[in-house]
């Protein structure tokens, strides 16, 4: 187990052994992630961002679904225009 002390400015030094193990170099941003078990500290390197790949793939419509939605929207607009034209 490695330890560190917080400075009066709230800074912590990540021990060299940990920096070397996780490839944390000067200038690398660090994410502080709260979990139910405590605090997790992760370097925000390529692997950090790669972990988000595909996370929203089911939240967005596929290309075919999007085309169908646009087609339906266009039909609704056309029907609306026809109703407005008949009212005049």
PDB file of N, CA and C in Angstrom:
ATOM      1  N   UNK A   1       0.848  -1.172   0.000  1.00  0.00           N
ATOM      2  CA  UNK A   1       0.000   0.000   0.000  1.00  0.00           C
ATOM      3  C   UNK A   1       0.896   1.238   0.000  1.00  0.00           C
ATOM      4  N   UNK A   2       0.587   2.162  -0.890  1.00  0.00           N
ATOM      5  CA  UNK A   2       1.316   3.423  -0.970  1.00  0.00           C
ATOM      6  C   UNK A   2       0.465   4.506  -0.306  1.00  0.00           C
ATOM      7  N   UNK A   3       1.124   5.490   0.283  1.00  0.00           N
ATOM      8  CA  UNK A   3       0.404   6.591   0.926  1.00  0.00           C
ATOM      9  C   UNK A   3       0.984   7.923   0.479  1.00  0.00           C
ATOM     10  N   UNK A   4       0.231   8.987   0.745  1.00  0.00           N
ATOM     11  CA  UNK A   4       0.671  10.334   0.430  1.00  0.00           C
ATOM     12  C   UNK A   4       0.026  11.282   1.428  1.00  0.00           C
ATOM     13  N   UNK A   5       0.517  12.505   1.502  1.00  0.00           N
ATOM     14  CA  UNK A   5      -0.014  13.509   2.416  1.00  0.00           C
ATOM     15  C   UNK A   5      -0.559  14.671   1.588  1.00  0.00           C
ATOM     16  N   UNK A   6      -1.693  15.183   1.993  1.00  0.00           N
ATOM     17  CA  UNK A   6      -2.290  16.333   1.319  1.00  0.00           C
ATOM     18  C   UNK A   6      -1.607  17.605   1.811  1.00  0.00           C
ATOM     19  N   UNK A   7      -1.266  18.495   0.871  1.00  0.00           N
ATOM     20  CA  UNK A   7      -0.650  19.767   1.249  1.00  0.00           C
ATOM     21  C   UNK A   7      -1.736  20.755   1.680  1.00  0.00           C
ATOM     22  N   UNK A   8      -1.318  21.899   2.177  1.00  0.00           N
ATOM     23  CA  UNK A   8      -2.280  22.927   2.594  1.00  0.00           C
ATOM     24  C   UNK A   8      -3.095  23.452   1.409  1.00  0.00           C
ATOM     25  N   UNK A   9      -2.601  23.258   0.185  1.00  0.00           N
ATOM     26  CA  UNK A   9      -3.320  23.668  -1.023  1.00  0.00           C
ATOM     27  C   UNK A   9      -4.210  22.551  -1.570  1.00  0.00           C
ATOM     28  N   UNK A  10      -4.271  21.426  -0.869  1.00  0.00           N
ATOM     29  CA  UNK A  10      -5.092  20.303  -1.316  1.00  0.00           C
ATOM     30  C   UNK A  10      -4.417  19.422  -2.352  1.00  0.00           C
ATOM     31  N   UNK A  11      -3.137  19.586  -2.530  1.00  0.00           N
ATOM     32  CA  UNK A  11      -2.407  18.790  -3.520  1.00  0.00           C
ATOM     33  C   UNK A  11      -1.917  17.490  -2.892  1.00  0.00           C
ATOM     34  N   UNK A  12      -1.836  16.450  -3.739  1.00  0.00           N
ATOM     35  CA  UNK A  12      -1.267  15.181  -3.281  1.00  0.00           C
ATOM     36  C   UNK A  12      -0.177  14.760  -4.255  1.00  0.00           C
ATOM     37  N   UNK A  13       0.788  14.051  -3.752  1.00  0.00           N
ATOM     38  CA  UNK A  13       1.853  13.510  -4.583  1.00  0.00           C
ATOM     39  C   UNK A  13       1.531  12.040  -4.810  1.00  0.00           C
ATOM     40  N   UNK A  14       1.454  11.654  -6.079  1.00  0.00           N
ATOM     41  CA  UNK A  14       1.230  10.245  -6.394  1.00  0.00           C
ATOM     42  C   UNK A  14       2.593   9.564  -6.334  1.00  0.00           C
ATOM     43  N   UNK A  15       2.718   8.561  -5.505  1.00  0.00           N
ATOM     44  CA  UNK A  15       4.019   7.896  -5.352  1.00  0.00           C
ATOM     45  C   UNK A  15       4.578   7.399  -6.695  1.00  0.00           C
ATOM     46  N   UNK A  16       5.898   7.470  -6.829  1.00  0.00           N
ATOM     47  CA  UNK A  16       6.586   7.107  -8.068  1.00  0.00           C
ATOM     48  C   UNK A  16       6.213   5.701  -8.534  1.00  0.00           C
ATOM     49  N   UNK A  17       6.155   4.750  -7.614  1.00  0.00           N
ATOM     50  CA  UNK A  17       5.827   3.371  -7.968  1.00  0.00           C
ATOM     51  C   UNK A  17       4.455   3.297  -8.660  1.00  0.00           C
ATOM     52  N   UNK A  18       3.500   4.042  -8.149  1.00  0.00           N
ATOM     53  CA  UNK A  18       2.143   4.066  -8.727  1.00  0.00           C
ATOM     54  C   UNK A  18       2.163   4.790 -10.075  1.00  0.00           C
ATOM     55  N   UNK A  19       2.870   5.930 -10.149  1.00  0.00           N
ATOM     56  CA  UNK A  19       2.964   6.676 -11.417  1.00  0.00           C
ATOM     57  C   UNK A  19       3.564   5.797 -12.509  1.00  0.00           C
ATOM     58  N   UNK A  20       4.635   5.084 -12.180  1.00  0.00           N
ATOM     59  CA  UNK A  20       5.285   4.216 -13.160  1.00  0.00           C
ATOM     60  C   UNK A  20       4.371   3.065 -13.584  1.00  0.00           C
ATOM     61  N   UNK A  21       3.701   2.462 -12.617  1.00  0.00           N
ATOM     62  CA  UNK A  21       2.825   1.319 -12.905  1.00  0.00           C
ATOM     63  C   UNK A  21       1.690   1.703 -13.854  1.00  0.00           C
ATOM     64  N   UNK A  22       1.121   2.900 -13.675  1.00  0.00           N
ATOM     65  CA  UNK A  22      -0.035   3.318 -14.463  1.00  0.00           C
ATOM     66  C   UNK A  22       0.314   4.330 -15.559  1.00  0.00           C
ATOM     67  N   UNK A  23       1.591   4.558 -15.764  1.00  0.00           N
ATOM     68  CA  UNK A  23       2.016   5.432 -16.857  1.00  0.00           C
ATOM     69  C   UNK A  23       1.595   6.880 -16.689  1.00  0.00           C
ATOM     70  N   UNK A  24       1.535   7.348 -15.468  1.00  0.00           N
ATOM     71  CA  UNK A  24       1.140   8.733 -15.205  1.00  0.00           C
ATOM     72  C   UNK A  24       2.375   9.614 -15.317  1.00  0.00           C
ATOM     73  N   UNK A  25       2.360  10.473 -16.312  1.00  0.00           N
ATOM     74  CA  UNK A  25       3.484  11.378 -16.546  1.00  0.00           C
ATOM     75  C   UNK A  25       3.053  12.805 -16.237  1.00  0.00           C
ATOM     76  N   UNK A  26       3.990  13.722 -16.196  1.00  0.00           N
ATOM     77  CA  UNK A  26       3.687  15.129 -15.931  1.00  0.00           C
ATOM     78  C   UNK A  26       2.695  15.644 -16.966  1.00  0.00           C
ATOM     79  N   UNK A  27       1.710  16.377 -16.518  1.00  0.00           N
ATOM     80  CA  UNK A  27       0.727  16.979 -17.407  1.00  0.00           C
ATOM     81  C   UNK A  27      -0.493  16.121 -17.687  1.00  0.00           C
ATOM     82  N   UNK A  28      -0.501  14.861 -17.231  1.00  0.00           N
ATOM     83  CA  UNK A  28      -1.655  13.979 -17.441  1.00  0.00           C
ATOM     84  C   UNK A  28      -2.750  14.384 -16.456  1.00  0.00           C
ATOM     85  N   UNK A  29      -3.976  14.573 -16.987  1.00  0.00           N
ATOM     86  CA  UNK A  29      -5.100  14.888 -16.102  1.00  0.00           C
ATOM     87  C   UNK A  29      -5.513  13.632 -15.359  1.00  0.00           C
ATOM     88  N   UNK A  30      -5.983  13.839 -14.146  1.00  0.00           N
ATOM     89  CA  UNK A  30      -6.405  12.738 -13.288  1.00  0.00           C
ATOM     90  C   UNK A  30      -7.887  12.911 -12.976  1.00  0.00           C
ATOM     91  N   UNK A  31      -8.657  11.821 -13.099  1.00  0.00           N
ATOM     92  CA  UNK A  31     -10.084  11.842 -12.763  1.00  0.00           C
ATOM     93  C   UNK A  31     -10.253  11.315 -11.341  1.00  0.00           C
ATOM     94  N   UNK A  32     -11.056  12.012 -10.558  1.00  0.00           N
ATOM     95  CA  UNK A  32     -11.406  11.570  -9.210  1.00  0.00           C
ATOM     96  C   UNK A  32     -12.857  11.110  -9.276  1.00  0.00           C
ATOM     97  N   UNK A  33     -13.068   9.814  -9.149  1.00  0.00           N
ATOM     98  CA  UNK A  33     -14.383   9.218  -9.336  1.00  0.00           C
ATOM     99  C   UNK A  33     -14.884   8.689  -7.998  1.00  0.00           C
ATOM    100  N   UNK A  34     -16.043   9.205  -7.577  1.00  0.00           N
ATOM    101  CA  UNK A  34     -16.639   8.744  -6.322  1.00  0.00           C
ATOM    102  C   UNK A  34     -17.403   7.448  -6.576  1.00  0.00           C
ATOM    103  N   UNK A  35     -17.166   6.466  -5.735  1.00  0.00           N
ATOM    104  CA  UNK A  35     -17.888   5.195  -5.808  1.00  0.00           C
ATOM    105  C   UNK A  35     -18.509   4.929  -4.443  1.00  0.00           C
ATOM    106  N   UNK A  36     -19.339   3.898  -4.382  1.00  0.00           N
ATOM    107  CA  UNK A  36     -19.949   3.562  -3.096  1.00  0.00           C
ATOM    108  C   UNK A  36     -18.901   3.114  -2.080  1.00  0.00           C
ATOM    109  N   UNK A  37     -17.758   2.639  -2.567  1.00  0.00           N
ATOM    110  CA  UNK A  37     -16.697   2.152  -1.680  1.00  0.00           C
ATOM    111  C   UNK A  37     -15.654   3.199  -1.338  1.00  0.00           C
ATOM    112  N   UNK A  38     -15.718   4.368  -1.977  1.00  0.00           N
ATOM    113  CA  UNK A  38     -14.722   5.395  -1.693  1.00  0.00           C
ATOM    114  C   UNK A  38     -14.374   6.190  -2.928  1.00  0.00           C
ATOM    115  N   UNK A  39     -13.132   6.579  -3.035  1.00  0.00           N
ATOM    116  CA  UNK A  39     -12.651   7.423  -4.122  1.00  0.00           C
ATOM    117  C   UNK A  39     -11.712   6.630  -5.028  1.00  0.00           C
ATOM    118  N   UNK A  40     -11.950   6.723  -6.332  1.00  0.00           N
ATOM    119  CA  UNK A  40     -11.082   6.062  -7.301  1.00  0.00           C
ATOM    120  C   UNK A  40     -10.360   7.155  -8.078  1.00  0.00           C
ATOM    121  N   UNK A  41      -9.085   6.997  -8.267  1.00  0.00           N
ATOM    122  CA  UNK A  41      -8.270   7.964  -8.998  1.00  0.00           C
ATOM    123  C   UNK A  41      -7.781   7.273 -10.268  1.00  0.00           C
ATOM    124  N   UNK A  42      -8.112   7.881 -11.444  1.00  0.00           N
ATOM    125  CA  UNK A  42      -7.725   7.281 -12.716  1.00  0.00           C
ATOM    126  C   UNK A  42      -7.064   8.323 -13.599  1.00  0.00           C
ATOM    127  N   UNK A  43      -5.960   7.955 -14.255  1.00  0.00           N
ATOM    128  CA  UNK A  43      -5.375   8.880 -15.227  1.00  0.00           C
ATOM    129  C   UNK A  43      -6.307   8.978 -16.437  1.00  0.00           C
ATOM    130  N   UNK A  44      -6.477  10.192 -16.954  1.00  0.00           N
ATOM    131  CA  UNK A  44      -7.354  10.401 -18.106  1.00  0.00           C
ATOM    132  C   UNK A  44      -6.525  10.289 -19.385  1.00  0.00           C
ATOM    133  N   UNK A  45      -6.065   9.055 -19.646  1.00  0.00           N
ATOM    134  CA  UNK A  45      -5.266   8.797 -20.840  1.00  0.00           C
ATOM    135  C   UNK A  45      -6.164   8.154 -21.896  1.00  0.00           C
ATOM    136  N   UNK A  46      -5.577   7.623 -22.951  1.00  0.00           N
ATOM    137  CA  UNK A  46      -6.366   7.030 -24.039  1.00  0.00           C
ATOM    138  C   UNK A  46      -7.250   5.900 -23.548  1.00  0.00           C
ATOM    139  N   UNK A  47      -6.762   5.059 -22.661  1.00  0.00           N
ATOM    140  CA  UNK A  47      -7.575   3.930 -22.186  1.00  0.00           C
ATOM    141  C   UNK A  47      -8.783   4.419 -21.389  1.00  0.00           C
ATOM    142  N   UNK A  48      -8.635   5.542 -20.694  1.00  0.00           N
ATOM    143  CA  UNK A  48      -9.762   6.118 -19.951  1.00  0.00           C
ATOM    144  C   UNK A  48     -10.876   6.498 -20.922  1.00  0.00           C
ATOM    145  N   UNK A  49     -10.521   7.201 -22.003  1.00  0.00           N
ATOM    146  CA  UNK A  49     -11.523   7.629 -22.966  1.00  0.00           C
ATOM    147  C   UNK A  49     -12.036   6.467 -23.807  1.00  0.00           C
ATOM    148  N   UNK A  50     -11.184   5.484 -24.069  1.00  0.00           N
ATOM    149  CA  UNK A  50     -11.624   4.297 -24.805  1.00  0.00           C
ATOM    150  C   UNK A  50     -12.705   3.542 -24.039  1.00  0.00           C
ATOM    151  N   UNK A  51     -12.720   3.655 -22.715  1.00  0.00           N
ATOM    152  CA  UNK A  51     -13.728   2.954 -21.920  1.00  0.00           C
ATOM    153  C   UNK A  51     -15.133   3.497 -22.170  1.00  0.00           C
ATOM    154  N   UNK A  52     -15.241   4.684 -22.775  1.00  0.00           N
ATOM    155  CA  UNK A  52     -16.549   5.270 -23.061  1.00  0.00           C
ATOM    156  C   UNK A  52     -17.072   4.902 -24.446  1.00  0.00           C
ATOM    157  N   UNK A  53     -16.247   4.285 -25.266  1.00  0.00           N
ATOM    158  CA  UNK A  53     -16.649   3.952 -26.632  1.00  0.00           C
ATOM    159  C   UNK A  53     -17.848   3.009 -26.589  1.00  0.00           C
ATOM    160  N   UNK A  54     -18.880   3.385 -27.328  1.00  0.00           N
ATOM    161  CA  UNK A  54     -20.078   2.548 -27.434  1.00  0.00           C
ATOM    162  C   UNK A  54     -21.077   2.714 -26.311  1.00  0.00           C
ATOM    163  N   UNK A  55     -20.787   3.557 -25.353  1.00  0.00           N
ATOM    164  CA  UNK A  55     -21.664   3.690 -24.187  1.00  0.00           C
ATOM    165  C   UNK A  55     -23.040   4.240 -24.561  1.00  0.00           C
ATOM    166  N   UNK A  56     -23.107   5.045 -25.617  1.00  0.00           N
ATOM    167  CA  UNK A  56     -24.381   5.640 -26.027  1.00  0.00           C
ATOM    168  C   UNK A  56     -24.949   5.022 -27.303  1.00  0.00           C
ATOM    169  N   UNK A  57     -24.396   3.926 -27.762  1.00  0.00           N
ATOM    170  CA  UNK A  57     -24.817   3.382 -29.053  1.00  0.00           C
ATOM    171  C   UNK A  57     -26.300   3.026 -29.066  1.00  0.00           C
ATOM    172  N   UNK A  58     -26.866   2.572 -27.961  1.00  0.00           N
ATOM    173  CA  UNK A  58     -28.285   2.224 -27.923  1.00  0.00           C
ATOM    174  C   UNK A  58     -29.159   3.431 -27.609  1.00  0.00           C
ATOM    175  N   UNK A  59     -28.560   4.530 -27.194  1.00  0.00           N
ATOM    176  CA  UNK A  59     -29.337   5.715 -26.835  1.00  0.00           C
ATOM    177  C   UNK A  59     -29.711   6.537 -28.064  1.00  0.00           C
ATOM    178  N   UNK A  60     -28.991   6.370 -29.149  1.00  0.00           N
ATOM    179  CA  UNK A  60     -29.245   7.143 -30.363  1.00  0.00           C
ATOM    180  C   UNK A  60     -29.872   6.250 -31.424  1.00  0.00           C
ATOM    181  N   UNK A  61     -30.717   6.848 -32.290  1.00  0.00           N
ATOM    182  CA  UNK A  61     -31.311   6.031 -33.353  1.00  0.00           C
ATOM    183  C   UNK A  61     -30.270   5.628 -34.387  1.00  0.00           C
ATOM    184  N   UNK A  62     -30.494   4.476 -34.992  1.00  0.00           N
ATOM    185  CA  UNK A  62     -29.602   4.041 -36.075  1.00  0.00           C
ATOM    186  C   UNK A  62     -29.874   4.928 -37.283  1.00  0.00           C
ATOM    187  N   UNK A  63     -29.049   4.809 -38.301  1.00  0.00           N
ATOM    188  CA  UNK A  63     -29.223   5.617 -39.512  1.00  0.00           C
ATOM    189  C   UNK A  63     -30.586   5.334 -40.141  1.00  0.00           C
ATOM    190  N   UNK A  64     -30.990   4.070 -40.193  1.00  0.00           N
ATOM    191  CA  UNK A  64     -32.297   3.721 -40.772  1.00  0.00           C
ATOM    192  C   UNK A  64     -33.443   4.275 -39.927  1.00  0.00           C
ATOM    193  N   UNK A  65     -33.309   4.167 -38.609  1.00  0.00           N
ATOM    194  CA  UNK A  65     -34.350   4.720 -37.729  1.00  0.00           C
ATOM    195  C   UNK A  65     -34.453   6.234 -37.901  1.00  0.00           C
ATOM    196  N   UNK A  66     -33.322   6.887 -38.028  1.00  0.00           N
ATOM    197  CA  UNK A  66     -33.311   8.343 -38.197  1.00  0.00           C
ATOM    198  C   UNK A  66     -33.992   8.731 -39.512  1.00  0.00           C
ATOM    199  N   UNK A  67     -33.686   8.007 -40.591  1.00  0.00           N
ATOM    200  CA  UNK A  67     -34.326   8.283 -41.883  1.00  0.00           C
ATOM    201  C   UNK A  67     -35.838   8.117 -41.785  1.00  0.00           C
ATOM    202  N   UNK A  68     -36.272   7.065 -41.117  1.00  0.00           N
ATOM    203  CA  UNK A  68     -37.708   6.819 -40.950  1.00  0.00           C
ATOM    204  C   UNK A  68     -38.360   7.932 -40.129  1.00  0.00           C
ATOM    205  N   UNK A  69     -37.686   8.385 -39.078  1.00  0.00           N
ATOM    206  CA  UNK A  69     -38.213   9.479 -38.258  1.00  0.00           C
ATOM    207  C   UNK A  69     -38.350  10.745 -39.090  1.00  0.00           C
ATOM    208  N   UNK A  70     -37.360  11.048 -39.917  1.00  0.00           N
ATOM    209  CA  UNK A  70     -37.409  12.240 -40.763  1.00  0.00           C
ATOM    210  C   UNK A  70     -38.528  12.125 -41.802  1.00  0.00           C
ATOM    211  N   UNK A  71     -38.725  10.919 -42.341  1.00  0.00           N
ATOM    212  CA  UNK A  71     -39.787  10.693 -43.321  1.00  0.00           C
ATOM    213  C   UNK A  71     -41.154  10.944 -42.668  1.00  0.00           C
ATOM    214  N   UNK A  72     -41.359  10.407 -41.470  1.00  0.00           N
ATOM    215  CA  UNK A  72     -42.619  10.608 -40.750  1.00  0.00           C
ATOM    216  C   UNK A  72     -42.835  12.079 -40.415  1.00  0.00           C
ATOM    217  N   UNK A  73     -41.775  12.756 -40.025  1.00  0.00           N
ATOM    218  CA  UNK A  73     -41.864  14.179 -39.708  1.00  0.00           C
ATOM    219  C   UNK A  73     -42.284  14.984 -40.948  1.00  0.00           C
ATOM    220  N   UNK A  74     -41.724  14.632 -42.082  1.00  0.00           N
ATOM    221  CA  UNK A  74     -42.056  15.318 -43.333  1.00  0.00           C
ATOM    222  C   UNK A  74     -43.527  15.085 -43.691  1.00  0.00           C
ATOM    223  N   UNK A  75     -44.004  13.845 -43.516  1.00  0.00           N
ATOM    224  CA  UNK A  75     -45.412  13.539 -43.784  1.00  0.00           C
ATOM    225  C   UNK A  75     -46.340  14.345 -42.875  1.00  0.00           C
ATOM    226  N   UNK A  76     -45.992  14.445 -41.604  1.00  0.00           N
ATOM    227  CA  UNK A  76     -46.811  15.237 -40.659  1.00  0.00           C
ATOM    228  C   UNK A  76     -46.883  16.696 -41.095  1.00  0.00           C
ATOM    229  N   UNK A  77     -45.744  17.226 -41.522  1.00  0.00           N
ATOM    230  CA  UNK A  77     -45.707  18.622 -41.979  1.00  0.00           C
ATOM    231  C   UNK A  77     -46.568  18.812 -43.225  1.00  0.00           C
ATOM    232  N   UNK A  78     -46.504  17.856 -44.143  1.00  0.00           N
ATOM    233  CA  UNK A  78     -47.311  17.952 -45.357  1.00  0.00           C
ATOM    234  C   UNK A  78     -48.801  17.901 -45.016  1.00  0.00           C
ATOM    235  N   UNK A  79     -49.181  17.006 -44.121  1.00  0.00           N
ATOM    236  CA  UNK A  79     -50.596  16.915 -43.704  1.00  0.00           C
ATOM    237  C   UNK A  79     -51.043  18.213 -43.043  1.00  0.00           C
ATOM    238  N   UNK A  80     -50.174  18.778 -42.239  1.00  0.00           N
ATOM    239  CA  UNK A  80     -50.488  20.032 -41.555  1.00  0.00           C
ATOM    240  C   UNK A  80     -50.698  21.149 -42.578  1.00  0.00           C
ATOM    241  N   UNK A  81     -49.847  21.214 -43.598  1.00  0.00           N
ATOM    242  CA  UNK A  81     -49.977  22.228 -44.646  1.00  0.00           C
ATOM    243  C   UNK A  81     -51.288  22.059 -45.404  1.00  0.00           C
ATOM    244  N   UNK A  82     -51.660  20.804 -45.682  1.00  0.00           N
ATOM    245  CA  UNK A  82     -52.914  20.537 -46.399  1.00  0.00           C
ATOM    246  C   UNK A  82     -54.106  20.990 -45.563  1.00  0.00           C
ATOM    247  N   UNK A  83     -54.099  20.674 -44.260  1.00  0.00           N
ATOM    248  CA  UNK A  83     -55.207  21.097 -43.381  1.00  0.00           C
ATOM    249  C   UNK A  83     -55.305  22.616 -43.340  1.00  0.00           C
ATOM    250  N   UNK A  84     -54.159  23.286 -43.232  1.00  0.00           N
ATOM    251  CA  UNK A  84     -54.158  24.753 -43.177  1.00  0.00           C
ATOM    252  C   UNK A  84     -54.651  25.336 -44.501  1.00  0.00           C
ATOM    253  N   UNK A  85     -54.310  24.698 -45.625  1.00  0.00           N
ATOM    254  CA  UNK A  85     -54.740  25.177 -46.941  1.00  0.00           C
ATOM    255  C   UNK A  85     -56.257  25.033 -47.090  1.00  0.00           C
ATOM    256  N   UNK A  86     -56.829  23.896 -46.610  1.00  0.00           N
ATOM    257  CA  UNK A  86     -58.265  23.660 -46.715  1.00  0.00           C
ATOM    258  C   UNK A  86     -59.068  24.619 -45.847  1.00  0.00           C
ATOM    259  N   UNK A  87     -58.485  25.063 -44.735  1.00  0.00           N
ATOM    260  CA  UNK A  87     -59.161  26.009 -43.848  1.00  0.00           C
ATOM    261  C   UNK A  87     -59.342  27.363 -44.495  1.00  0.00           C
ATOM    262  N   UNK A  88     -58.470  27.722 -45.426  1.00  0.00           N
ATOM    263  CA  UNK A  88     -58.510  29.049 -46.056  1.00  0.00           C
ATOM    264  C   UNK A  88     -59.536  29.127 -47.090  1.00  0.00           C
TER     265      UNK A  88
END
